[in-house]
C-alpha atoms as a PDB file:
ATOM      1  CA  MET A   1      -8.355   6.304  18.167  1.00  0.00           C
ATOM      2  CA  ARG A   2     -11.527   4.667  19.608  1.00  0.00           C
ATOM      3  CA  SER A   3     -12.104   7.544  21.789  1.00  0.00           C
ATOM      4  CA  LEU A   4     -11.731  11.381  21.829  1.00  0.00           C
ATOM      5  CA  LEU A   5     -12.491  12.983  24.816  1.00  0.00           C
ATOM      6  CA  PHE A   6     -13.726  16.584  24.875  1.00  0.00           C
ATOM      7  CA  VAL A   7     -13.187  18.999  28.113  1.00  0.00           C
ATOM      8  CA  PRO A   8     -13.712  22.949  28.755  1.00  0.00           C
ATOM      9  CA  GLY A   9     -10.646  24.545  28.196  1.00  0.00           C
ATOM     10  CA  GLY A  10     -11.270  27.040  31.152  1.00  0.00           C
ATOM     11  CA  ARG A  11     -12.018  24.048  33.349  1.00  0.00           C
ATOM     12  CA  ALA A  12      -8.392  23.635  34.921  1.00  0.00           C
ATOM     13  CA  ASP A  13      -9.800  20.947  37.414  1.00  0.00           C
ATOM     14  CA  MET A  14     -11.250  18.955  35.259  1.00  0.00           C
ATOM     15  CA  ILE A  15      -8.340  18.956  32.756  1.00  0.00           C
ATOM     16  CA  ALA A  16      -6.274  17.524  34.973  1.00  0.00           C
ATOM     17  CA  LYS A  17      -8.533  14.611  35.874  1.00  0.00           C
ATOM     18  CA  VAL A  18      -8.583  13.989  32.410  1.00  0.00           C
ATOM     19  CA  GLY A  19      -6.448  10.878  32.346  1.00  0.00           C
ATOM     20  CA  ARG A  20      -8.090   8.688  34.607  1.00  0.00           C
ATOM     21  CA  SER A  21     -10.726   7.533  32.211  1.00  0.00           C
ATOM     22  CA  ARG A  22      -7.704   6.125  29.278  1.00  0.00           C
ATOM     23  CA  PRO A  23      -8.348   8.074  26.973  1.00  0.00           C
ATOM     24  CA  ASP A  24      -7.132   7.128  23.006  1.00  0.00           C
ATOM     25  CA  GLY A  25      -6.896  11.131  23.284  1.00  0.00           C
ATOM     26  CA  VAL A  26      -7.685  14.453  24.488  1.00  0.00           C
ATOM     27  CA  VAL A  27      -8.950  17.652  23.712  1.00  0.00           C
ATOM     28  CA  LEU A  28      -8.731  20.634  26.058  1.00  0.00           C
ATOM     29  CA  ASP A  29     -11.651  22.632  24.103  1.00  0.00           C
ATOM     30  CA  LEU A  30     -11.315  25.986  23.490  1.00  0.00           C
ATOM     31  CA  GLU A  31     -13.835  26.315  21.401  1.00  0.00           C
ATOM     32  CA  ASP A  32     -17.464  24.890  21.455  1.00  0.00           C
ATOM     33  CA  ALA A  33     -17.150  24.587  25.473  1.00  0.00           C
ATOM     34  CA  VAL A  34     -16.164  28.458  25.851  1.00  0.00           C
ATOM     35  CA  ALA A  35     -18.361  31.477  26.047  1.00  0.00           C
ATOM     36  CA  ALA A  36     -17.113  34.647  23.892  1.00  0.00           C
ATOM     37  CA  GLY A  37     -16.951  36.628  27.195  1.00  0.00           C
ATOM     38  CA  ASP A  38     -14.574  34.227  29.018  1.00  0.00           C
ATOM     39  CA  LYS A  39     -11.824  32.869  25.602  1.00  0.00           C
ATOM     40  CA  ASP A  40      -8.381  35.042  26.543  1.00  0.00           C
ATOM     41  CA  THR A  41      -9.038  33.065  29.704  1.00  0.00           C
ATOM     42  CA  ALA A  42      -9.763  29.410  28.471  1.00  0.00           C
ATOM     43  CA  ARG A  43      -6.608  29.912  26.349  1.00  0.00           C
ATOM     44  CA  ALA A  44      -4.267  30.898  29.801  1.00  0.00           C
ATOM     45  CA  THR A  45      -5.814  28.364  31.224  1.00  0.00           C
ATOM     46  CA  VAL A  46      -5.068  24.996  28.690  1.00  0.00           C
ATOM     47  CA  VAL A  47      -1.755  26.923  28.072  1.00  0.00           C
ATOM     48  CA  ALA A  48      -0.608  26.161  31.694  1.00  0.00           C
ATOM     49  CA  ALA A  49      -2.350  23.275  32.217  1.00  0.00           C
ATOM     50  CA  LEU A  50      -0.463  22.209  29.842  1.00  0.00           C
ATOM     51  CA  ALA A  51       3.267  22.797  31.204  1.00  0.00           C
ATOM     52  CA  VAL A  52       1.578  19.745  34.097  1.00  0.00           C
ATOM     53  CA  LEU A  53      -0.649  17.363  31.906  1.00  0.00           C
ATOM     54  CA  ASP A  54       0.743  13.900  32.163  1.00  0.00           C
ATOM     55  CA  VAL A  55      -1.641  11.930  30.309  1.00  0.00           C
ATOM     56  CA  ASP A  56      -0.962   8.773  28.476  1.00  0.00           C
ATOM     57  CA  ALA A  57      -3.133   9.453  25.349  1.00  0.00           C
ATOM     58  CA  VAL A  58      -2.296  11.653  21.647  1.00  0.00           C
ATOM     59  CA  VAL A  59      -3.409  15.548  23.476  1.00  0.00           C
ATOM     60  CA  LEU A  60      -5.084  18.824  21.312  1.00  0.00           C
ATOM     61  CA  VAL A  61      -6.201  21.732  21.927  1.00  0.00           C
ATOM     62  CA  ARG A  62      -9.918  22.613  19.921  1.00  0.00           C
ATOM     63  CA  VAL A  63      -9.086  26.092  17.963  1.00  0.00           C
ATOM     64  CA  ASN A  64     -11.895  28.184  17.399  1.00  0.00           C
ATOM     65  CA  PRO A  65     -12.404  28.078  14.255  1.00  0.00           C
ATOM     66  CA  PRO A  66     -10.357  29.546  10.634  1.00  0.00           C
ATOM     67  CA  GLY A  67     -11.916  33.487  10.657  1.00  0.00           C
ATOM     68  CA  SER A  68     -13.012  33.730  13.998  1.00  0.00           C
ATOM     69  CA  PRO A  69     -11.674  36.860  16.071  1.00  0.00           C
ATOM     70  CA  TRP A  70     -10.029  34.018  18.482  1.00  0.00           C
ATOM     71  CA  PHE A  71      -7.960  31.481  15.850  1.00  0.00           C
ATOM     72  CA  ALA A  72      -4.782  33.384  15.435  1.00  0.00           C
ATOM     73  CA  ASP A  73      -4.542  33.431  19.430  1.00  0.00           C
ATOM     74  CA  ASP A  74      -5.187  30.442  19.673  1.00  0.00           C
ATOM     75  CA  LEU A  75      -2.552  28.617  17.523  1.00  0.00           C
ATOM     76  CA  ALA A  76      -0.100  31.256  18.535  1.00  0.00           C
ATOM     77  CA  ALA A  77      -0.254  29.325  22.290  1.00  0.00           C
ATOM     78  CA  VAL A  78      -0.631  25.847  21.225  1.00  0.00           C
ATOM     79  CA  ALA A  79       2.066  26.935  18.987  1.00  0.00           C
ATOM     80  CA  GLY A  80       4.319  27.201  21.833  1.00  0.00           C
ATOM     81  CA  THR A  81       2.984  24.345  24.250  1.00  0.00           C
ATOM     82  CA  ARG A  82       4.090  20.726  24.312  1.00  0.00           C
ATOM     83  CA  ALA A  83       0.370  19.714  22.986  1.00  0.00           C
ATOM     84  CA  ASP A  84       0.195  17.764  19.768  1.00  0.00           C
ATOM     85  CA  GLY A  85      -1.814  19.264  17.708  1.00  0.00           C
ATOM     86  CA  VAL A  86      -5.280  20.847  17.567  1.00  0.00           C
ATOM     87  CA  VAL A  87      -8.272  19.388  16.163  1.00  0.00           C
ATOM     88  CA  LEU A  88      -9.627  22.406  13.080  1.00  0.00           C
ATOM     89  CA  PRO A  89     -13.154  22.453  13.491  1.00  0.00           C
ATOM     90  CA  LYS A  90     -16.297  23.616  11.171  1.00  0.00           C
ATOM     91  CA  LEU A  91     -13.160  22.778   7.970  1.00  0.00           C
ATOM     92  CA  GLU A  92     -14.535  23.910   4.929  1.00  0.00           C
ATOM     93  CA  HIS A  93     -11.596  24.576   2.730  1.00  0.00           C
ATOM     94  CA  PRO A  94      -7.480  23.121   1.940  1.00  0.00           C
ATOM     95  CA  GLY A  95      -6.324  26.164   2.280  1.00  0.00           C
ATOM     96  CA  GLN A  96      -7.461  26.268   6.391  1.00  0.00           C
ATOM     97  CA  VAL A  97      -5.345  23.345   7.200  1.00  0.00           C
ATOM     98  CA  GLU A  98      -2.228  24.892   5.534  1.00  0.00           C
ATOM     99  CA  GLN A  99      -3.770  28.131   8.024  1.00  0.00           C
ATOM    100  CA  VAL A 100      -2.659  25.487  10.736  1.00  0.00           C
ATOM    101  CA  ARG A 101       0.887  23.499   9.280  1.00  0.00           C
ATOM    102  CA  THR A 102       2.483  27.656   8.848  1.00  0.00           C
ATOM    103  CA  GLY A 103       1.298  27.832  12.260  1.00  0.00           C
ATOM    104  CA  LEU A 104       2.413  24.532  14.167  1.00  0.00           C
ATOM    105  CA  GLY A 105       4.833  23.179  12.158  1.00  0.00           C
ATOM    106  CA  PRO A 106       4.587  20.128   9.212  1.00  0.00           C
ATOM    107  CA  ASP A 107       4.747  17.308  12.141  1.00  0.00           C
ATOM    108  CA  ALA A 108       1.425  18.653  14.424  1.00  0.00           C
ATOM    109  CA  VAL A 109      -1.485  16.489  14.276  1.00  0.00           C
ATOM    110  CA  VAL A 110      -4.785  18.381  13.270  1.00  0.00           C
ATOM    111  CA  VAL A 111      -8.254  16.440  13.460  1.00  0.00           C
ATOM    112  CA  GLY A 112     -10.605  18.202  11.608  1.00  0.00           C
ATOM    113  CA  GLY A 113     -14.493  18.590  11.562  1.00  0.00           C
ATOM    114  CA  LEU A 114     -16.603  17.901   9.092  1.00  0.00           C
ATOM    115  CA  GLU A 115     -19.472  19.280  10.886  1.00  0.00           C
ATOM    116  CA  THR A 116     -21.022  22.088   8.299  1.00  0.00           C
ATOM    117  CA  ALA A 117     -23.420  21.402   5.040  1.00  0.00           C
ATOM    118  CA  LEU A 118     -20.262  22.473   2.816  1.00  0.00           C
ATOM    119  CA  GLY A 119     -17.651  20.424   4.859  1.00  0.00           C
ATOM    120  CA  VAL A 120     -19.782  17.429   4.310  1.00  0.00           C
ATOM    121  CA  ALA A 121     -20.759  18.064   0.781  1.00  0.00           C
ATOM    122  CA  ASP A 122     -17.321  18.271   0.223  1.00  0.00           C
ATOM    123  CA  SER A 123     -15.916  15.624   2.446  1.00  0.00           C
ATOM    124  CA  ARG A 124     -14.108  13.621  -0.135  1.00  0.00           C
ATOM    125  CA  ALA A 125     -11.671  16.868  -1.305  1.00  0.00           C
ATOM    126  CA  LEU A 126     -11.118  18.433   2.329  1.00  0.00           C
ATOM    127  CA  LEU A 127      -9.450  14.622   2.770  1.00  0.00           C
ATOM    128  CA  GLU A 128      -7.813  13.590   0.220  1.00  0.00           C
ATOM    129  CA  GLY A 129      -4.156  14.710   0.655  1.00  0.00           C
ATOM    130  CA  SER A 130      -5.056  16.900   3.447  1.00  0.00           C
ATOM    131  CA  GLY A 131      -2.589  14.456   6.027  1.00  0.00           C
ATOM    132  CA  LEU A 132      -5.379  15.037   8.422  1.00  0.00           C
ATOM    133  CA  ALA A 133      -5.458  12.726  11.751  1.00  0.00           C
ATOM    134  CA  ALA A 134      -8.255  11.902  12.160  1.00  0.00           C
ATOM    135  CA  ALA A 135     -11.964  13.738  11.263  1.00  0.00           C
ATOM    136  CA  TYR A 136     -14.914  13.897  12.634  1.00  0.00           C
ATOM    137  CA  PHE A 137     -19.059  14.614  11.759  1.00  0.00           C
ATOM    138  CA  GLY A 138     -20.245  16.932  14.331  1.00  0.00           C
ATOM    139  CA  ALA A 139     -23.778  16.196  13.657  1.00  0.00           C
ATOM    140  CA  GLU A 140     -25.257  19.069  16.129  1.00  0.00           C
ATOM    141  CA  ASP A 141     -23.850  21.467  14.395  1.00  0.00           C
ATOM    142  CA  TYR A 142     -24.646  20.123  10.984  1.00  0.00           C
ATOM    143  CA  VAL A 143     -28.239  20.303  11.679  1.00  0.00           C
ATOM    144  CA  ALA A 144     -28.317  23.545  13.328  1.00  0.00           C
ATOM    145  CA  ASP A 145     -25.997  24.849   9.952  1.00  0.00           C
ATOM    146  CA  LEU A 146     -28.836  23.244   7.869  1.00  0.00           C
ATOM    147  CA  GLY A 147     -31.712  24.781   9.715  1.00  0.00           C
ATOM    148  CA  GLY A 148     -33.162  22.086  10.768  1.00  0.00           C
ATOM    149  CA  ARG A 149     -34.152  19.407  13.923  1.00  0.00           C
ATOM    150  CA  ARG A 150     -32.239  16.584  15.646  1.00  0.00           C
ATOM    151  CA  THR A 151     -34.531  13.640  16.172  1.00  0.00           C
ATOM    152  CA  ALA A 152     -33.767  10.466  18.335  1.00  0.00           C
ATOM    153  CA  GLY A 153     -33.765   8.609  16.135  1.00  0.00           C
ATOM    154  CA  GLY A 154     -31.145  10.723  14.045  1.00  0.00           C
ATOM    155  CA  HIS A 155     -31.981   9.325  10.756  1.00  0.00           C
ATOM    156  CA  GLU A 156     -31.883  13.714  10.215  1.00  0.00           C
ATOM    157  CA  VAL A 157     -27.683  12.674  10.226  1.00  0.00           C
ATOM    158  CA  LEU A 158     -28.036   9.293   8.726  1.00  0.00           C
ATOM    159  CA  TYR A 159     -26.790  10.893   4.719  1.00  0.00           C
ATOM    160  CA  ALA A 160     -24.265  13.109   6.001  1.00  0.00           C
ATOM    161  CA  ARG A 161     -22.437  10.462   8.753  1.00  0.00           C
ATOM    162  CA  SER A 162     -22.194   7.682   5.319  1.00  0.00           C
ATOM    163  CA  ARG A 163     -20.528  10.087   3.197  1.00  0.00           C
ATOM    164  CA  VAL A 164     -18.353  11.531   5.959  1.00  0.00           C
ATOM    165  CA  ALA A 165     -17.597   7.778   6.787  1.00  0.00           C
ATOM    166  CA  LEU A 166     -17.158   7.132   2.820  1.00  0.00           C
ATOM    167  CA  ALA A 167     -15.020  10.425   1.786  1.00  0.00           C
ATOM    168  CA  GLY A 168     -12.475   9.070   4.692  1.00  0.00           C
ATOM    169  CA  ARG A 169     -12.448   5.301   3.200  1.00  0.00           C
ATOM    170  CA  LEU A 170     -11.384   7.251  -0.194  1.00  0.00           C
ATOM    171  CA  SER A 171      -8.469   9.688   1.565  1.00  0.00           C
ATOM    172  CA  GLY A 172      -7.096   7.307   3.298  1.00  0.00           C
ATOM    173  CA  VAL A 173      -8.712   9.234   6.450  1.00  0.00           C
ATOM    174  CA  PRO A 174      -9.950   7.472   9.753  1.00  0.00           C
ATOM    175  CA  VAL A 175     -13.500   9.471  11.323  1.00  0.00           C
ATOM    176  CA  LEU A 176     -14.998   9.533  14.659  1.00  0.00           C
ATOM    177  CA  ASP A 177     -18.571   9.780  14.894  1.00  0.00           C
ATOM    178  CA  GLN A 178     -21.086  12.276  16.311  1.00  0.00           C
ATOM    179  CA  VAL A 179     -21.401  13.534  20.390  1.00  0.00           C
ATOM    180  CA  VAL A 180     -23.914  11.368  22.187  1.00  0.00           C
ATOM    181  CA  VAL A 181     -25.267  14.555  24.228  1.00  0.00           C
ATOM    182  CA  ALA A 182     -27.149  12.840  26.435  1.00  0.00           C
ATOM    183  CA  VAL A 183     -24.522  11.597  28.829  1.00  0.00           C
ATOM    184  CA  ARG A 184     -25.856   9.330  31.191  1.00  0.00           C
ATOM    185  CA  ASP A 185     -28.185   7.316  28.340  1.00  0.00           C
ATOM    186  CA  ASP A 186     -25.783   4.492  28.043  1.00  0.00           C
ATOM    187  CA  ASP A 187     -27.362   2.291  26.029  1.00  0.00           C
ATOM    188  CA  ALA A 188     -28.394   5.627  23.408  1.00  0.00           C
ATOM    189  CA  PHE A 189     -23.710   5.685  23.253  1.00  0.00           C
ATOM    190  CA  ARG A 190     -23.980   1.427  22.750  1.00  0.00           C
ATOM    191  CA  ARG A 191     -26.369   1.810  19.743  1.00  0.00           C
ATOM    192  CA  GLU A 192     -24.817   4.897  18.180  1.00  0.00           C
ATOM    193  CA  ALA A 193     -21.184   3.399  18.609  1.00  0.00           C
ATOM    194  CA  ALA A 194     -22.926   0.485  16.262  1.00  0.00           C
ATOM    195  CA  GLN A 195     -24.628   2.068  14.089  1.00  0.00           C
ATOM    196  CA  ALA A 196     -21.543   4.214  13.268  1.00  0.00           C
ATOM    197  CA  ARG A 197     -18.996   1.158  13.044  1.00  0.00           C
ATOM    198  CA  ASP A 198     -21.584  -0.297  10.696  1.00  0.00           C
ATOM    199  CA  LEU A 199     -20.827   2.576   8.584  1.00  0.00           C
ATOM    200  CA  GLY A 200     -17.220   2.217   9.051  1.00  0.00           C
ATOM    201  CA  TYR A 201     -16.622   4.518  11.798  1.00  0.00           C
ATOM    202  CA  ALA A 202     -13.100   4.362  13.909  1.00  0.00           C
ATOM    203  CA  GLY A 203     -13.928   5.818  17.738  1.00  0.00           C
ATOM    204  CA  LYS A 204     -16.721   8.276  18.639  1.00  0.00           C
ATOM    205  CA  LEU A 205     -16.235  11.633  20.453  1.00  0.00           C
ATOM    206  CA  CYS A 206     -16.431  11.175  23.537  1.00  0.00           C
ATOM    207  CA  ILE A 207     -18.247  14.664  25.820  1.00  0.00           C
ATOM    208  CA  HIS A 208     -18.403  12.232  29.889  1.00  0.00           C
ATOM    209  CA  PRO A 209     -15.715  10.537  31.035  1.00  0.00           C
ATOM    210  CA  ALA A 210     -17.725   7.763  31.836  1.00  0.00           C
ATOM    211  CA  GLN A 211     -18.285   7.577  27.615  1.00  0.00           C
ATOM    212  CA  VAL A 212     -14.451   6.506  26.898  1.00  0.00           C
ATOM    213  CA  ALA A 213     -15.243   2.404  28.453  1.00  0.00           C
ATOM    214  CA  LEU A 214     -18.650   2.465  26.255  1.00  0.00           C
ATOM    215  CA  ALA A 215     -16.576   3.811  23.125  1.00  0.00           C
ATOM    216  CA  HIS A 216     -13.403   1.052  23.381  1.00  0.00           C
ATOM    217  CA  GLU A 217     -15.600  -1.694  23.998  1.00  0.00           C
ATOM    218  CA  ALA A 218     -17.589  -1.241  21.112  1.00  0.00           C
ATOM    219  CA  PHE A 219     -14.169  -0.408  18.122  1.00  0.00           C
ATOM    220  CA  THR A 220     -12.299  -3.034  20.445  1.00  0.00           C
ATOM    221  CA  PRO A 221     -13.174  -6.023  18.659  1.00  0.00           C
ATOM    222  CA  SER A 222     -15.209  -9.154  20.996  1.00  0.00           C
ATOM    223  CA  GLU A 223     -12.883 -12.284  21.676  1.00  0.00           C
ATOM    224  CA  ALA A 224     -15.917 -13.847  20.116  1.00  0.00           C
ATOM    225  CA  GLU A 225     -15.297 -11.582  16.277  1.00  0.00           C
ATOM    226  CA  VAL A 226     -11.812 -12.269  16.975  1.00  0.00           C
ATOM    227  CA  ALA A 227     -13.092 -16.134  16.492  1.00  0.00           C
ATOM    228  CA  HIS A 228     -14.416 -15.866  13.822  1.00  0.00           C
ATOM    229  CA  ALA A 229     -12.050 -13.930  11.589  1.00  0.00           C
ATOM    230  CA  ARG A 230      -9.300 -16.634  12.609  1.00  0.00           C
ATOM    231  CA  ALA A 231     -12.207 -19.144  11.264  1.00  0.00           C
ATOM    232  CA  VAL A 232     -12.973 -17.469   8.348  1.00  0.00           C
ATOM    233  CA  VAL A 233      -8.890 -16.435   7.712  1.00  0.00           C
ATOM    234  CA  GLU A 234      -8.015 -20.100   8.133  1.00  0.00           C
ATOM    235  CA  ALA A 235     -11.010 -21.675   5.788  1.00  0.00           C
ATOM    236  CA  SER A 236      -9.729 -19.431   2.766  1.00  0.00           C
ATOM    237  CA  ALA A 237      -6.863 -21.595   2.323  1.00  0.00           C
ATOM    238  CA  GLN A 238      -8.867 -24.227   1.193  1.00  0.00           C
ATOM    239  CA  GLY A 239     -10.932 -21.587  -1.341  1.00  0.00           C
ATOM    240  CA  VAL A 240     -14.549 -20.925  -0.992  1.00  0.00           C
ATOM    241  CA  GLY A 241     -15.938 -22.594   1.755  1.00  0.00           C
ATOM    242  CA  LEU A 242     -17.968 -22.689   5.283  1.00  0.00           C
ATOM    243  CA  VAL A 243     -17.916 -21.080   8.708  1.00  0.00           C
ATOM    244  CA  ASP A 244     -21.315 -20.905  10.827  1.00  0.00           C
ATOM    245  CA  GLY A 245     -23.071 -22.790   7.699  1.00  0.00           C
ATOM    246  CA  GLN A 246     -22.301 -19.036   6.115  1.00  0.00           C
ATOM    247  CA  MET A 247     -20.358 -19.373   2.455  1.00  0.00           C
ATOM    248  CA  VAL A 248     -16.529 -17.839   2.824  1.00  0.00           C
ATOM    249  CA  ASP A 249     -15.010 -16.098  -0.150  1.00  0.00           C
ATOM    250  CA  ASP A 250     -12.430 -12.934  -0.753  1.00  0.00           C
ATOM    251  CA  VAL A 251     -14.878 -10.005   0.040  1.00  0.00           C
ATOM    252  CA  HIS A 252     -15.890 -12.194   3.667  1.00  0.00           C
ATOM    253  CA  VAL A 253     -11.727 -12.622   4.309  1.00  0.00           C
ATOM    254  CA  ARG A 254     -11.009  -8.746   4.068  1.00  0.00           C
ATOM    255  CA  MET A 255     -14.064  -7.722   6.468  1.00  0.00           C
ATOM    256  CA  ALA A 256     -12.501 -10.858   8.263  1.00  0.00           C
ATOM    257  CA  ARG A 257      -8.209  -9.272   8.027  1.00  0.00           C
ATOM    258  CA  ALA A 258      -9.484  -5.852   9.167  1.00  0.00           C
ATOM    259  CA  VAL A 259     -11.123  -7.232  12.056  1.00  0.00           C
ATOM    260  CA  LEU A 260      -7.905  -9.470  12.936  1.00  0.00           C
ATOM    261  CA  ASP A 261      -5.949  -5.412  12.271  1.00  0.00           C
ATOM    262  CA  ARG A 262      -8.451  -3.883  14.479  1.00  0.00           C
ATOM    263  CA  ALA A 263      -7.733  -6.311  17.580  1.00  0.00           C
ATOM    264  CA  GLY A 264      -5.182  -6.100  17.615  1.00  0.00           C
ATOM    265  CA  PRO A 265      -1.379  -8.562  18.229  1.00  0.00           C
END
């Protein structure tokens, strides 16, 4: 998933329009986007919306965290819908994934959120053998849990972003990068998305429909990248060689093949 678009669960009007931006994945959010006093109403809104929602995307519901007063009811409500699965926020223990599997069945799509100090610190253990379809790094909750401060430069989350990316690679679970809360700042989104791709992320969380196209732009190799990757693979047939004046060896071939895999047929 290059893009995972979050929509407030209590906003039926927004849910109805969610397919217009053509995201790879849609999340109807019952957690951060819904105030405590509105949880039951939002849950009912999501169930009703799922009965008629028709989008060409993976459809998930972000439930409230295990241990919260709403988790069990959220899970039970999702189990009776056509949703593909759930987003499990603030993942900290392997047993939490098992709770979801017990409630929804073994084939449900589950995306885990690594967005607390413990979740980031234990990210490899949490992802390894988890069966998660994907995981994401949640910067805002992570920094709040640390008691730190968010900055424009993002130095306070570089270690955590890198650790989650590494954990995803070692466990074979695709990872999605943090949100950009400045929803009208396209340059900020492009900058963060480029950093995320450099770090090894597969896509980005989106909180506004306009961010979806930017995510697809960032995580889909350009024509120039694809052409260069093909040239590298072709040059490798002759052993170590040069492409655009740069040496080509095995590591460059592996990177080129990854670009071609991401680009698709």
